C-alpha atoms as a PDB file:
ATOM      1  CA  MET A   1     -86.783 -14.218-177.340  1.00  0.00           C
ATOM      2  CA  ASP A   2     -88.289 -13.864-180.905  1.00  0.00           C
ATOM      3  CA  ALA A   3     -86.513 -16.894-182.812  1.00  0.00           C
ATOM      4  CA  ALA A   4     -87.944 -17.327-186.274  1.00  0.00           C
ATOM      5  CA  PRO A   5     -89.530 -20.683-186.798  1.00  0.00           C
ATOM      6  CA  ALA A   6     -87.436 -23.439-188.444  1.00  0.00           C
ATOM      7  CA  ALA A   7     -89.672 -23.501-191.479  1.00  0.00           C
ATOM      8  CA  ALA A   8     -89.090 -19.680-192.322  1.00  0.00           C
ATOM      9  CA  ARG A   9     -85.230 -20.688-192.797  1.00  0.00           C
ATOM     10  CA  PRO A  10     -84.115 -21.395-196.090  1.00  0.00           C
ATOM     11  CA  ILE A  11     -82.807 -24.856-196.594  1.00  0.00           C
ATOM     12  CA  ARG A  12     -79.336 -25.259-197.577  1.00  0.00           C
ATOM     13  CA  ARG A  13     -78.991 -28.041-200.138  1.00  0.00           C
ATOM     14  CA  PRO A  14     -75.265 -29.289-200.330  1.00  0.00           C
ATOM     15  CA  THR A  15     -73.682 -28.792-203.865  1.00  0.00           C
ATOM     16  CA  LYS A  16     -71.935 -31.704-205.674  1.00  0.00           C
ATOM     17  CA  PHE A  17     -68.591 -29.914-205.283  1.00  0.00           C
ATOM     18  CA  GLY A  18     -68.982 -27.615-202.241  1.00  0.00           C
ATOM     19  CA  TRP A  19     -66.861 -30.091-199.736  1.00  0.00           C
ATOM     20  CA  LEU A  20     -63.903 -29.257-202.010  1.00  0.00           C
ATOM     21  CA  ILE A  21     -64.444 -25.489-201.121  1.00  0.00           C
ATOM     22  CA  ARG A  22     -64.938 -26.311-197.432  1.00  0.00           C
ATOM     23  CA  ASP A  23     -61.912 -28.776-197.068  1.00  0.00           C
ATOM     24  CA  VAL A  24     -58.811 -26.902-196.752  1.00  0.00           C
ATOM     25  CA  ARG A  25     -56.530 -29.735-197.992  1.00  0.00           C
ATOM     26  CA  ALA A  26     -58.521 -30.379-200.901  1.00  0.00           C
ATOM     27  CA  LEU A  27     -58.588 -26.552-201.884  1.00  0.00           C
ATOM     28  CA  ILE A  28     -54.798 -26.588-201.362  1.00  0.00           C
ATOM     29  CA  SER A  29     -54.234 -29.684-203.458  1.00  0.00           C
ATOM     30  CA  ILE A  30     -56.700 -28.223-206.161  1.00  0.00           C
ATOM     31  CA  VAL A  31     -54.620 -24.953-206.542  1.00  0.00           C
ATOM     32  CA  TYR A  32     -51.427 -26.925-206.550  1.00  0.00           C
ATOM     33  CA  LEU A  33     -52.397 -29.254-209.443  1.00  0.00           C
ATOM     34  CA  LEU A  34     -53.619 -26.399-211.393  1.00  0.00           C
ATOM     35  CA  LEU A  35     -50.458 -24.447-210.806  1.00  0.00           C
ATOM     36  CA  LEU A  36     -48.537 -27.222-211.948  1.00  0.00           C
ATOM     37  CA  LEU A  37     -50.694 -27.449-214.959  1.00  0.00           C
ATOM     38  CA  ILE A  38     -50.119 -24.173-215.945  1.00  0.00           C
ATOM     39  CA  MET A  39     -46.775 -24.432-215.371  1.00  0.00           C
ATOM     40  CA  ALA A  40     -46.364 -27.444-217.507  1.00  0.00           C
ATOM     41  CA  VAL A  41     -48.456 -25.753-220.202  1.00  0.00           C
ATOM     42  CA  GLY A  42     -47.135 -22.252-220.344  1.00  0.00           C
ATOM     43  CA  ALA A  43     -43.401 -23.645-219.936  1.00  0.00           C
ATOM     44  CA  ARG A  44     -42.566 -22.101-223.107  1.00  0.00           C
ATOM     45  CA  TRP A  45     -43.694 -18.496-222.034  1.00  0.00           C
ATOM     46  CA  LEU A  46     -43.176 -18.808-218.333  1.00  0.00           C
ATOM     47  CA  ALA A  47     -39.727 -20.432-218.125  1.00  0.00           C
ATOM     48  CA  PRO A  48     -36.837 -17.719-217.468  1.00  0.00           C
ATOM     49  CA  TYR A  49     -34.285 -19.546-219.755  1.00  0.00           C
ATOM     50  CA  ASN A  50     -34.011 -22.125-222.145  1.00  0.00           C
ATOM     51  CA  PRO A  51     -33.624 -25.621-220.550  1.00  0.00           C
ATOM     52  CA  ALA A  52     -30.848 -26.336-222.984  1.00  0.00           C
ATOM     53  CA  GLU A  53     -28.836 -23.146-222.514  1.00  0.00           C
ATOM     54  CA  LEU A  54     -25.543 -23.919-221.084  1.00  0.00           C
ATOM     55  CA  ASP A  55     -23.610 -21.223-218.654  1.00  0.00           C
ATOM     56  CA  LEU A  56     -20.377 -23.163-217.724  1.00  0.00           C
ATOM     57  CA  THR A  57     -19.714 -20.117-215.626  1.00  0.00           C
ATOM     58  CA  ALA A  58     -22.858 -20.830-213.193  1.00  0.00           C
ATOM     59  CA  THR A  59     -22.293 -24.567-212.723  1.00  0.00           C
ATOM     60  CA  LEU A  60     -23.703 -25.931-209.646  1.00  0.00           C
ATOM     61  CA  SER A  61     -24.954 -22.798-208.235  1.00  0.00           C
ATOM     62  CA  ALA A  62     -27.081 -22.357-205.252  1.00  0.00           C
ATOM     63  CA  PRO A  63     -30.424 -20.889-205.531  1.00  0.00           C
ATOM     64  CA  ASN A  64     -30.219 -17.078-206.102  1.00  0.00           C
ATOM     65  CA  ALA A  65     -32.186 -14.411-207.743  1.00  0.00           C
ATOM     66  CA  ALA A  66     -30.876 -15.276-211.148  1.00  0.00           C
ATOM     67  CA  HIS A  67     -31.785 -18.839-210.672  1.00  0.00           C
ATOM     68  CA  TRP A  68     -34.307 -19.661-208.344  1.00  0.00           C
ATOM     69  CA  LEU A  69     -33.910 -23.154-208.015  1.00  0.00           C
ATOM     70  CA  GLY A  70     -29.954 -23.267-208.862  1.00  0.00           C
ATOM     71  CA  THR A  71     -28.489 -24.883-211.696  1.00  0.00           C
ATOM     72  CA  ASP A  72     -27.007 -28.091-212.712  1.00  0.00           C
ATOM     73  CA  ASP A  73     -23.303 -29.173-213.330  1.00  0.00           C
ATOM     74  CA  LEU A  74     -23.496 -27.741-216.787  1.00  0.00           C
ATOM     75  CA  GLY A  75     -25.102 -24.545-215.640  1.00  0.00           C
ATOM     76  CA  ARG A  76     -28.568 -25.123-217.133  1.00  0.00           C
ATOM     77  CA  ASP A  77     -31.509 -23.356-214.930  1.00  0.00           C
ATOM     78  CA  THR A  78     -33.181 -26.150-213.024  1.00  0.00           C
ATOM     79  CA  LEU A  79     -36.205 -24.246-212.646  1.00  0.00           C
ATOM     80  CA  SER A  80     -36.580 -23.937-216.381  1.00  0.00           C
ATOM     81  CA  ARG A  81     -35.640 -27.808-216.759  1.00  0.00           C
ATOM     82  CA  VAL A  82     -38.568 -28.536-214.333  1.00  0.00           C
ATOM     83  CA  MET A  83     -41.128 -26.616-216.140  1.00  0.00           C
ATOM     84  CA  TYR A  84     -40.199 -28.208-219.537  1.00  0.00           C
ATOM     85  CA  GLY A  85     -40.027 -31.355-218.057  1.00  0.00           C
ATOM     86  CA  ALA A  86     -43.450 -31.307-216.404  1.00  0.00           C
ATOM     87  CA  GLY A  87     -45.262 -31.305-219.576  1.00  0.00           C
ATOM     88  CA  PRO A  88     -44.151 -34.819-220.868  1.00  0.00           C
ATOM     89  CA  SER A  89     -44.609 -36.107-217.205  1.00  0.00           C
ATOM     90  CA  LEU A  90     -48.091 -34.906-216.943  1.00  0.00           C
ATOM     91  CA  TYR A  91     -49.107 -36.224-220.340  1.00  0.00           C
ATOM     92  CA  SER A  92     -47.500 -39.992-219.853  1.00  0.00           C
ATOM     93  CA  ALA A  93     -49.564 -39.843-216.486  1.00  0.00           C
ATOM     94  CA  VAL A  94     -52.781 -38.915-218.059  1.00  0.00           C
ATOM     95  CA  LEU A  95     -52.363 -41.243-220.863  1.00  0.00           C
ATOM     96  CA  SER A  96     -51.542 -44.053-218.541  1.00  0.00           C
ATOM     97  CA  VAL A  97     -54.623 -43.281-216.436  1.00  0.00           C
ATOM     98  CA  ILE A  98     -56.511 -43.167-219.404  1.00  0.00           C
ATOM     99  CA  LEU A  99     -55.258 -46.579-220.926  1.00  0.00           C
ATOM    100  CA  GLY A 100     -55.482 -48.416-217.637  1.00  0.00           C
ATOM    101  CA  LEU A 101     -59.286 -47.233-217.264  1.00  0.00           C
ATOM    102  CA  THR A 102     -59.813 -48.332-221.104  1.00  0.00           C
ATOM    103  CA  ILE A 103     -58.345 -51.926-220.314  1.00  0.00           C
ATOM    104  CA  GLY A 104     -59.194 -52.114-216.849  1.00  0.00           C
ATOM    105  CA  ILE A 105     -62.829 -51.442-216.931  1.00  0.00           C
ATOM    106  CA  PRO A 106     -63.795 -53.875-219.652  1.00  0.00           C
ATOM    107  CA  PHE A 107     -61.632 -56.745-217.877  1.00  0.00           C
ATOM    108  CA  GLY A 108     -63.055 -55.993-214.558  1.00  0.00           C
ATOM    109  CA  LEU A 109     -66.848 -55.902-215.946  1.00  0.00           C
ATOM    110  CA  LEU A 110     -65.909 -59.248-217.682  1.00  0.00           C
ATOM    111  CA  ALA A 111     -64.352 -60.868-214.676  1.00  0.00           C
ATOM    112  CA  GLY A 112     -67.377 -59.807-212.596  1.00  0.00           C
END
């Protein structure tokens, strides 16, 4: 057996974010968050219906080909309402994290 010496093999250095690609759960989470962000930002172009459009003939319908998540009690498309509602929800979540960091870090450093 003619094995190559250990010194001849290339050394693989770990990258900063290489573990994200190797960990399946982390990769699934990143893809999910990216899809959520794309859905929230592009709701105006991606939503199949206007979220305020009433269709009283389709009230409380189950999920089907026309309404993927069904409709509410006024016949509004649930998928469109979720897409349009994701934007303000993500905005308030990011704003609260930034506000918490801006207030929390100085007070934590002051307390320490």
